[in-house]
Amino acid sequence: MMDRLAYLICMAVSFLFMYSVCGVSADGQTKKLSFKAMNFFLVFLCLYWAILIGLQNGTGTDYYTYYNMFKNGTPAYYHRIHEYGFYYIADFVGAHMHPQWAYFFLALLQSIGFCIFFKYAQFDRPDLFLLVYFTCATSFINSTNALRQFSAMYIFLAGIILLRDKKYIGYVLTLIVAYLFHKSAIYLLALLIGRFWFVLKNKWILIAELSVSLVICFVGMDGILNWIAQFTPYKDYIGSSFATTGNRTDFLNIATKLIYVPFFIHLLFLEYDDTDYNSLFFINLGFFCFCIKLMGMSSYFISRFAYHFDTLAYIPLYYYILWVRRCNMKKEIKLLLYFITLSVMLGPFVAKTCFFPVREYAYRSILTPFFF
C-alpha cells in the first residue's frame, strides 16, 4: 500500500516543504528566500527526488530493458549515434557497480537539471509551480521509461533559462550536452529561430495556436510527418507498428490533456494583466509546448518529440492559479475556481497513482521487501 502512496507523498512533501519556506507570510506577502537558503532547500529536495526515482524496481515498460543493458553491457549502438553521455554512464556502471546505480545517477542528473530551471525561473510562488509539476506533468513519473530522452529533457529544461536570458551560445552548448543523452535534442535548436514567438503579447495569436493544435489532435497530419520523417533518424519507424497501430492516443488520454484547455483560455481573459518579461516568456512558451503535446496525441513522431516539452507545457496553469489569486473578483468565485482547478489537477493524479496504478504509475521500490 505504501508503494501506491509514494508519488502522492512526494507531491505533498515537496509542496508543503516549499510552501513552508517561501509560501505566503502572515501579512499576505510571498516570502523571499536568499540565494544560499534556496540552495540549501533544493539540495534536500533534489536528493529526495533522485532517491525516489533512482530506487524504482520494475516500474514501467522500459525498466528491464535498461536494467539488462546496465547489467550485461551497453550496446555499441549508443556510441555510434554519439549518445556518449548515456553510453559512458551505463558502461561504467555495468563494469563496476550494481545496475540500479545507473538509475540513481541518471535520476540525480534529471533532478539537478530540474532544480537549476526551478531556481532560476524566478516563479513568484515556487510552491504552486511544484504542485502543477507533480500533478499535471508526467515527466517525473515517466523518467525511468524514456530514460535517455527524459535525461535530455531535464538538461534542456535548464537550458531554457539561457534562452530566456538571450544567452544563445550557452543554450546551444546545453543542447549539445542534452544531445549526448538523446539525439532528438538537436532539433530543439529550432527554438532559437522561434524565440521571438515567446515574447509576443497578443492573446489572439495564442488562441489561434491552440485552435490549430486541437484540430490536428483529432484530424492528424500523418502524410506530412511521414514525408518529413524520411529525412531524419526516425525514418525506420515509417510504416512500423509504432507509427500505425499505436499512432493515435486513445480518447481517455486525450481527455486528460483537453481538461486543461478551458483554464488556458480563461488565463488569457483574466482581468489581471501585469505581465512582466519573465511571465510573458513562460506563458507563451507554455502554450507552444502544450500545443505540441496536443498535436502529439495523433502522431507517434510528435508524441515522442513532445517528451522534451512535458514540464513546460503546464506552466500556464501555474500562472492561472497565481492570477486568479491576484484578480479582483468575489471571494466566492475565487474559491469556486480554486476548487475546480485543484479537482482537475489532483483528481486524475490521485486516481492514476493511488487507486488505479498501472505501468509507470505503479511505483515499486527495491527497498520494499526490506520494510513490508
Protein backbone atom coordinates (compact mmCIF):
# COMPACT_ATOMS: atom_id res chain seq x y z
CA MET A 1 0.00 0.00 0.00
CA MET A 2 2.85 2.40 0.83
CA ASP A 3 4.20 1.98 -2.70
CA ARG A 4 0.88 3.26 -4.06
CA LEU A 5 1.22 6.38 -1.95
CA ALA A 6 4.82 7.10 -2.96
CA TYR A 7 4.04 9.69 -5.64
CA LEU A 8 1.26 11.30 -3.60
CA ILE A 9 3.56 11.60 -0.58
CA CYS A 10 6.32 13.02 -2.78
CA MET A 11 3.98 15.66 -4.20
CA ALA A 12 2.65 16.58 -0.75
CA VAL A 13 6.08 16.71 0.92
CA SER A 14 7.60 18.77 -1.91
CA PHE A 15 4.72 21.25 -1.97
CA LEU A 16 4.44 21.64 1.81
CA PHE A 17 8.20 21.87 2.23
CA MET A 18 8.47 24.64 -0.36
CA TYR A 19 5.33 26.37 0.94
CA SER A 20 6.78 26.44 4.45
CA VAL A 21 9.90 28.26 3.28
CA CYS A 22 8.59 30.51 0.51
CA GLY A 23 4.80 30.45 0.63
CA VAL A 24 2.61 33.23 2.00
CA SER A 25 3.57 35.06 5.19
CA ALA A 26 1.18 36.36 7.84
CA ASP A 27 0.80 39.72 6.08
CA GLY A 28 -0.25 38.04 2.81
CA GLN A 29 3.05 38.64 1.03
CA THR A 30 5.15 35.95 -0.65
CA LYS A 31 8.19 35.01 1.40
CA LYS A 32 11.54 35.62 -0.24
CA LEU A 33 14.48 33.28 0.22
CA SER A 34 18.11 34.24 -0.08
CA PHE A 35 20.28 32.65 -2.77
CA LYS A 36 22.07 30.44 -0.23
CA ALA A 37 18.85 29.44 1.54
CA MET A 38 17.25 28.31 -1.71
CA ASN A 39 20.36 26.25 -2.49
CA PHE A 40 20.11 24.52 0.89
CA PHE A 41 16.45 23.56 0.48
CA LEU A 42 16.87 22.47 -3.12
CA VAL A 43 19.73 20.12 -2.21
CA PHE A 44 17.36 18.30 0.15
CA LEU A 45 14.57 18.06 -2.45
CA CYS A 46 16.98 17.11 -5.24
CA LEU A 47 18.31 14.14 -3.27
CA TYR A 48 14.81 13.10 -2.22
CA TRP A 49 13.57 13.06 -5.83
CA ALA A 50 16.69 11.27 -7.09
CA ILE A 51 16.40 8.56 -4.42
CA LEU A 52 12.68 8.04 -5.06
CA ILE A 53 13.11 7.68 -8.83
CA GLY A 54 16.52 6.00 -8.71
CA LEU A 55 15.31 3.20 -6.42
CA GLN A 56 12.38 2.16 -8.60
CA ASN A 57 12.14 -1.56 -9.24
CA GLY A 58 10.49 -2.96 -12.37
CA THR A 59 8.41 0.19 -12.91
CA GLY A 60 7.08 0.84 -16.41
CA THR A 61 7.77 -0.82 -19.74
CA ASP A 62 11.44 0.05 -20.26
CA TYR A 63 12.85 -0.74 -16.83
CA TYR A 64 14.09 -4.27 -17.54
CA THR A 65 15.37 -3.32 -20.98
CA TYR A 66 17.70 -0.77 -19.43
CA TYR A 67 18.42 -2.95 -16.39
CA ASN A 68 19.72 -5.75 -18.59
CA MET A 69 21.72 -3.21 -20.53
CA PHE A 70 23.35 -1.88 -17.35
CA LYS A 71 24.00 -5.43 -16.21
CA ASN A 72 25.22 -7.15 -19.37
CA GLY A 73 26.85 -4.30 -21.25
CA THR A 74 25.62 -1.28 -23.18
CA PRO A 75 25.21 -1.83 -26.94
CA ALA A 76 27.80 -0.04 -29.06
CA TYR A 77 24.85 1.39 -31.00
CA TYR A 78 24.58 4.25 -28.50
CA HIS A 79 28.23 5.08 -29.04
CA ARG A 80 27.79 5.06 -32.82
CA ILE A 81 24.90 7.55 -32.64
CA HIS A 82 27.00 9.81 -30.38
CA GLU A 83 24.91 9.45 -27.22
CA TYR A 84 28.16 9.37 -25.28
CA GLY A 85 26.71 10.71 -22.02
CA PHE A 86 24.33 7.82 -21.65
CA TYR A 87 26.75 5.26 -23.07
CA TYR A 88 29.65 6.00 -20.71
CA ILE A 89 27.47 6.21 -17.57
CA ALA A 90 25.83 2.89 -18.47
CA ASP A 91 29.15 1.32 -19.43
CA PHE A 92 30.85 2.45 -16.20
CA VAL A 93 28.03 1.12 -14.03
CA GLY A 94 27.94 -2.15 -15.96
CA ALA A 95 31.66 -2.68 -15.38
CA HIS A 96 31.96 -1.60 -11.75
CA MET A 97 28.60 -1.34 -9.95
CA HIS A 98 25.16 -2.82 -9.41
CA PRO A 99 22.82 -1.95 -12.33
CA GLN A 100 20.50 0.02 -10.05
CA TRP A 101 23.18 2.69 -9.60
CA ALA A 102 22.69 3.78 -13.22
CA TYR A 103 19.07 4.66 -12.45
CA PHE A 104 20.16 6.68 -9.44
CA PHE A 105 22.89 8.56 -11.34
CA LEU A 106 20.51 9.45 -14.17
CA ALA A 107 17.74 10.38 -11.71
CA LEU A 108 20.20 12.65 -9.92
CA LEU A 109 21.17 14.24 -13.24
CA GLN A 110 17.49 14.83 -14.02
CA SER A 111 16.81 16.28 -10.57
CA ILE A 112 19.76 18.66 -10.85
CA GLY A 113 18.54 19.85 -14.26
CA PHE A 114 15.07 20.49 -12.84
CA CYS A 115 16.45 22.31 -9.80
CA ILE A 116 18.52 24.63 -11.99
CA PHE A 117 15.43 25.50 -14.00
CA PHE A 118 13.25 25.77 -10.89
CA LYS A 119 15.66 28.09 -9.10
CA TYR A 120 16.40 30.49 -11.94
CA ALA A 121 12.90 30.59 -13.45
CA GLN A 122 12.04 33.18 -10.77
CA PHE A 123 8.50 31.97 -10.10
CA ASP A 124 6.75 34.18 -7.55
CA ARG A 125 5.18 31.12 -5.92
CA PRO A 126 7.56 28.17 -6.47
CA ASP A 127 5.39 26.02 -4.20
CA LEU A 128 2.46 26.37 -6.61
CA PHE A 129 4.68 25.52 -9.56
CA LEU A 130 5.77 22.30 -7.81
CA LEU A 131 2.12 21.42 -7.29
CA VAL A 132 1.45 21.81 -11.04
CA TYR A 133 4.62 19.94 -11.94
CA PHE A 134 3.83 16.84 -9.89
CA THR A 135 0.10 16.61 -10.60
CA CYS A 136 -0.09 17.60 -14.28
CA ALA A 137 3.22 16.85 -15.99
CA THR A 138 4.21 13.20 -16.42
CA SER A 139 7.97 13.64 -16.78
CA PHE A 140 8.76 12.87 -13.14
CA ILE A 141 6.81 9.62 -13.12
CA ASN A 142 7.84 8.62 -16.65
CA SER A 143 11.54 9.36 -16.25
CA THR A 144 12.67 5.71 -15.98
CA ASN A 145 10.67 4.74 -19.05
CA ALA A 146 12.06 7.02 -21.75
CA LEU A 147 15.23 7.18 -19.66
CA ARG A 148 17.54 8.72 -22.24
CA GLN A 149 15.06 11.21 -23.62
CA PHE A 150 13.92 12.48 -20.23
CA SER A 151 17.54 12.87 -19.19
CA ALA A 152 17.99 15.05 -22.26
CA MET A 153 14.73 16.86 -21.46
CA TYR A 154 15.87 17.89 -17.99
CA ILE A 155 19.17 19.20 -19.38
CA PHE A 156 17.19 21.14 -22.00
CA LEU A 157 14.97 22.44 -19.20
CA ALA A 158 17.99 24.05 -17.56
CA GLY A 159 18.94 25.49 -20.95
CA ILE A 160 15.57 27.23 -21.27
CA ILE A 161 16.78 29.76 -18.71
CA LEU A 162 19.65 30.63 -21.03
CA LEU A 163 17.26 31.00 -23.96
CA ARG A 164 15.06 33.33 -21.91
CA ASP A 165 18.08 35.43 -20.95
CA LYS A 166 19.24 35.63 -24.60
CA LYS A 167 22.42 33.69 -23.85
CA TYR A 168 22.27 31.83 -27.14
CA ILE A 169 25.75 30.30 -27.09
CA GLY A 170 25.06 28.86 -23.65
CA TYR A 171 21.74 27.48 -24.88
CA VAL A 172 23.42 25.78 -27.85
CA LEU A 173 26.08 24.26 -25.59
CA THR A 174 23.36 22.97 -23.27
CA LEU A 175 21.64 21.28 -26.21
CA ILE A 176 24.91 19.66 -27.21
CA VAL A 177 25.12 18.14 -23.72
CA ALA A 178 21.47 17.03 -23.99
CA TYR A 179 22.26 15.50 -27.41
CA LEU A 180 24.79 13.25 -25.69
CA PHE A 181 21.87 11.55 -23.95
CA HIS A 182 19.28 11.59 -26.73
CA LYS A 183 19.91 12.67 -30.30
CA SER A 184 16.46 14.23 -30.72
CA ALA A 185 17.59 17.15 -28.54
CA ILE A 186 19.39 18.63 -31.54
CA TYR A 187 16.04 19.59 -33.09
CA LEU A 188 15.45 21.93 -30.15
CA LEU A 189 17.83 24.33 -31.85
CA ALA A 190 14.74 25.43 -33.78
CA LEU A 191 13.64 27.35 -30.69
CA LEU A 192 16.45 29.80 -31.40
CA ILE A 193 14.61 30.82 -34.55
CA GLY A 194 11.19 30.79 -32.96
CA ARG A 195 12.19 32.54 -29.76
CA PHE A 196 10.57 35.82 -30.86
CA TRP A 197 7.23 33.97 -30.70
CA PHE A 198 7.59 33.64 -26.92
CA VAL A 199 7.70 37.40 -26.29
CA LEU A 200 4.66 38.41 -28.34
CA LYS A 201 1.87 39.95 -26.29
CA ASN A 202 -1.25 39.02 -28.24
CA LYS A 203 -3.81 36.63 -26.77
CA TRP A 204 -5.47 36.02 -30.14
CA ILE A 205 -2.27 34.53 -31.53
CA LEU A 206 -2.21 32.07 -28.63
CA ILE A 207 -5.88 31.21 -29.14
CA ALA A 208 -5.25 30.59 -32.85
CA GLU A 209 -2.24 28.43 -31.96
CA LEU A 210 -4.35 26.43 -29.54
CA SER A 211 -7.22 26.06 -32.04
CA VAL A 212 -4.94 24.69 -34.77
CA SER A 213 -3.39 22.18 -32.39
CA LEU A 214 -6.85 20.97 -31.30
CA VAL A 215 -7.83 20.34 -34.93
CA ILE A 216 -4.60 18.45 -35.59
CA CYS A 217 -5.12 16.49 -32.35
CA PHE A 218 -8.25 14.90 -33.82
CA VAL A 219 -7.58 15.05 -37.58
CA GLY A 220 -3.86 14.26 -37.58
CA MET A 221 -1.16 15.09 -40.11
CA ASP A 222 0.45 11.72 -40.83
CA GLY A 223 1.08 12.41 -44.51
CA ILE A 224 3.24 15.45 -43.84
CA LEU A 225 5.01 13.86 -40.89
CA ASN A 226 5.90 10.68 -42.77
CA TRP A 227 7.40 12.80 -45.52
CA ILE A 228 9.47 14.81 -43.01
CA ALA A 229 10.49 11.68 -41.09
CA GLN A 230 12.22 10.19 -44.13
CA PHE A 231 14.91 12.86 -43.79
CA THR A 232 15.51 12.20 -40.08
CA PRO A 233 16.93 9.34 -37.99
CA TYR A 234 13.31 8.27 -37.38
CA LYS A 235 12.78 7.13 -40.97
CA ASP A 236 12.95 3.47 -39.85
CA TYR A 237 9.71 3.97 -37.91
CA ILE A 238 7.69 4.84 -41.02
CA GLY A 239 5.12 2.09 -41.50
CA SER A 240 6.11 0.32 -38.28
CA SER A 241 3.64 -0.69 -35.58
CA PHE A 242 4.73 2.35 -33.57
CA ALA A 243 3.57 4.72 -36.30
CA THR A 244 0.44 2.80 -37.36
CA THR A 245 -1.43 0.70 -34.79
CA GLY A 246 -0.07 2.71 -31.86
CA ASN A 247 -0.06 6.04 -33.60
CA ARG A 248 -3.18 7.69 -32.22
CA THR A 249 -3.62 8.06 -28.47
CA ASP A 250 -6.86 6.72 -27.03
CA PHE A 251 -9.58 9.22 -26.16
CA LEU A 252 -9.14 8.83 -22.39
CA ASN A 253 -5.54 10.02 -22.61
CA ILE A 254 -6.56 12.83 -24.97
CA ALA A 255 -9.19 13.88 -22.43
CA THR A 256 -6.53 14.17 -19.72
CA LYS A 257 -4.97 16.96 -21.81
CA LEU A 258 -8.18 18.60 -23.02
CA ILE A 259 -9.34 19.26 -19.44
CA TYR A 260 -6.69 21.99 -19.17
CA VAL A 261 -7.80 23.90 -22.28
CA PRO A 262 -10.57 25.94 -20.55
CA PHE A 263 -8.10 27.13 -17.90
CA PHE A 264 -5.56 28.15 -20.53
CA ILE A 265 -8.19 30.16 -22.40
CA HIS A 266 -9.54 31.74 -19.22
CA LEU A 267 -5.99 32.79 -18.30
CA LEU A 268 -5.87 34.99 -21.39
CA PHE A 269 -9.07 36.80 -20.42
CA LEU A 270 -8.44 37.35 -16.73
CA GLU A 271 -8.58 41.00 -15.77
CA TYR A 272 -5.24 40.77 -14.01
CA ASP A 273 -2.71 41.98 -16.58
CA ASP A 274 0.65 42.66 -15.02
CA THR A 275 2.74 40.57 -17.36
CA ASP A 276 6.46 41.19 -16.96
CA TYR A 277 9.01 39.82 -19.43
CA ASN A 278 9.61 36.64 -17.42
CA SER A 279 5.90 35.80 -17.14
CA LEU A 280 5.24 36.65 -20.80
CA PHE A 281 8.07 34.39 -21.95
CA PHE A 282 6.96 31.41 -19.88
CA ILE A 283 3.25 31.77 -20.66
CA ASN A 284 3.88 31.90 -24.41
CA LEU A 285 6.43 29.09 -24.19
CA GLY A 286 3.98 27.03 -22.15
CA PHE A 287 1.22 27.49 -24.72
CA PHE A 288 3.59 26.45 -27.50
CA CYS A 289 4.71 23.32 -25.63
CA PHE A 290 1.15 22.38 -24.68
CA CYS A 291 0.10 22.67 -28.32
CA ILE A 292 2.93 20.33 -29.33
CA LYS A 293 1.66 17.82 -26.78
CA LEU A 294 -1.88 18.12 -28.14
CA MET A 295 -0.69 17.51 -31.69
CA GLY A 296 1.32 14.55 -30.42
CA MET A 297 -1.92 12.83 -29.43
CA SER A 298 -2.40 11.88 -33.09
CA SER A 299 1.20 11.23 -34.09
CA TYR A 300 3.87 8.86 -32.84
CA PHE A 301 6.62 11.11 -34.18
CA ILE A 302 5.36 14.26 -32.45
CA SER A 303 4.42 12.46 -29.23
CA ARG A 304 7.96 11.16 -28.77
CA PHE A 305 9.47 14.56 -29.51
CA ALA A 306 6.90 16.20 -27.20
CA TYR A 307 8.55 14.49 -24.22
CA HIS A 308 11.00 17.38 -24.25
CA PHE A 309 8.14 19.81 -23.57
CA ASP A 310 6.27 17.87 -20.91
CA THR A 311 7.21 20.03 -17.91
CA LEU A 312 6.99 23.35 -19.75
CA ALA A 313 3.55 22.60 -21.20
CA TYR A 314 1.75 23.18 -17.90
CA ILE A 315 3.36 26.46 -16.87
CA PRO A 316 0.25 28.44 -17.99
CA LEU A 317 -1.77 26.52 -15.39
CA TYR A 318 0.62 27.79 -12.71
CA TYR A 319 0.04 31.36 -13.89
CA TYR A 320 -3.69 30.73 -13.97
CA ILE A 321 -3.73 29.84 -10.26
CA LEU A 322 -1.45 32.77 -9.47
CA TRP A 323 -3.53 35.28 -11.42
CA VAL A 324 -6.86 34.09 -10.04
CA ARG A 325 -5.41 34.79 -6.60
CA ARG A 326 -4.45 38.33 -7.64
CA CYS A 327 -7.54 39.22 -9.67
CA ASN A 328 -10.25 41.49 -8.35
CA MET A 329 -13.24 39.17 -8.14
CA LYS A 330 -15.64 37.99 -5.48
CA LYS A 331 -14.18 35.70 -2.86
CA GLU A 332 -16.84 33.08 -3.56
CA ILE A 333 -15.91 32.98 -7.26
CA LYS A 334 -12.23 32.65 -6.40
CA LEU A 335 -12.93 29.76 -4.07
CA LEU A 336 -15.01 28.04 -6.75
CA LEU A 337 -12.24 28.47 -9.34
CA TYR A 338 -9.66 27.16 -6.86
CA PHE A 339 -11.85 24.14 -6.13
CA ILE A 340 -12.41 23.32 -9.83
CA THR A 341 -8.74 23.80 -10.72
CA LEU A 342 -7.43 21.69 -7.85
CA SER A 343 -10.02 18.99 -8.58
CA VAL A 344 -8.87 18.79 -12.19
CA MET A 345 -5.23 18.65 -11.11
CA LEU A 346 -5.47 16.31 -8.13
CA GLY A 347 -8.33 14.06 -9.26
CA PRO A 348 -6.61 12.30 -12.19
CA PHE A 349 -3.26 12.31 -10.36
CA VAL A 350 -4.62 10.56 -7.27
CA ALA A 351 -6.68 8.15 -9.38
CA LYS A 352 -3.69 7.14 -11.54
CA THR A 353 -1.16 6.82 -8.71
CA CYS A 354 -3.22 5.55 -5.76
CA PHE A 355 -6.39 3.80 -6.94
CA PHE A 356 -5.72 2.51 -10.47
CA PRO A 357 -1.93 2.43 -10.87
CA VAL A 358 -0.67 0.67 -13.99
CA ARG A 359 2.67 0.62 -15.82
CA GLU A 360 4.82 3.59 -14.77
CA TYR A 361 2.25 4.77 -12.20
CA ALA A 362 2.53 1.51 -10.23
CA TYR A 363 5.53 2.52 -8.15
CA ARG A 364 7.70 -0.18 -6.64
CA SER A 365 10.99 0.27 -4.82
CA ILE A 366 13.95 -2.05 -4.39
CA LEU A 367 13.64 -1.31 -0.65
CA THR A 368 10.03 -2.52 -0.37
CA PRO A 369 10.90 -6.16 0.54
CA PHE A 370 13.01 -4.93 3.47
CA PHE A 371 10.25 -2.87 5.08
CA PHE A 372 6.96 -4.54 4.09
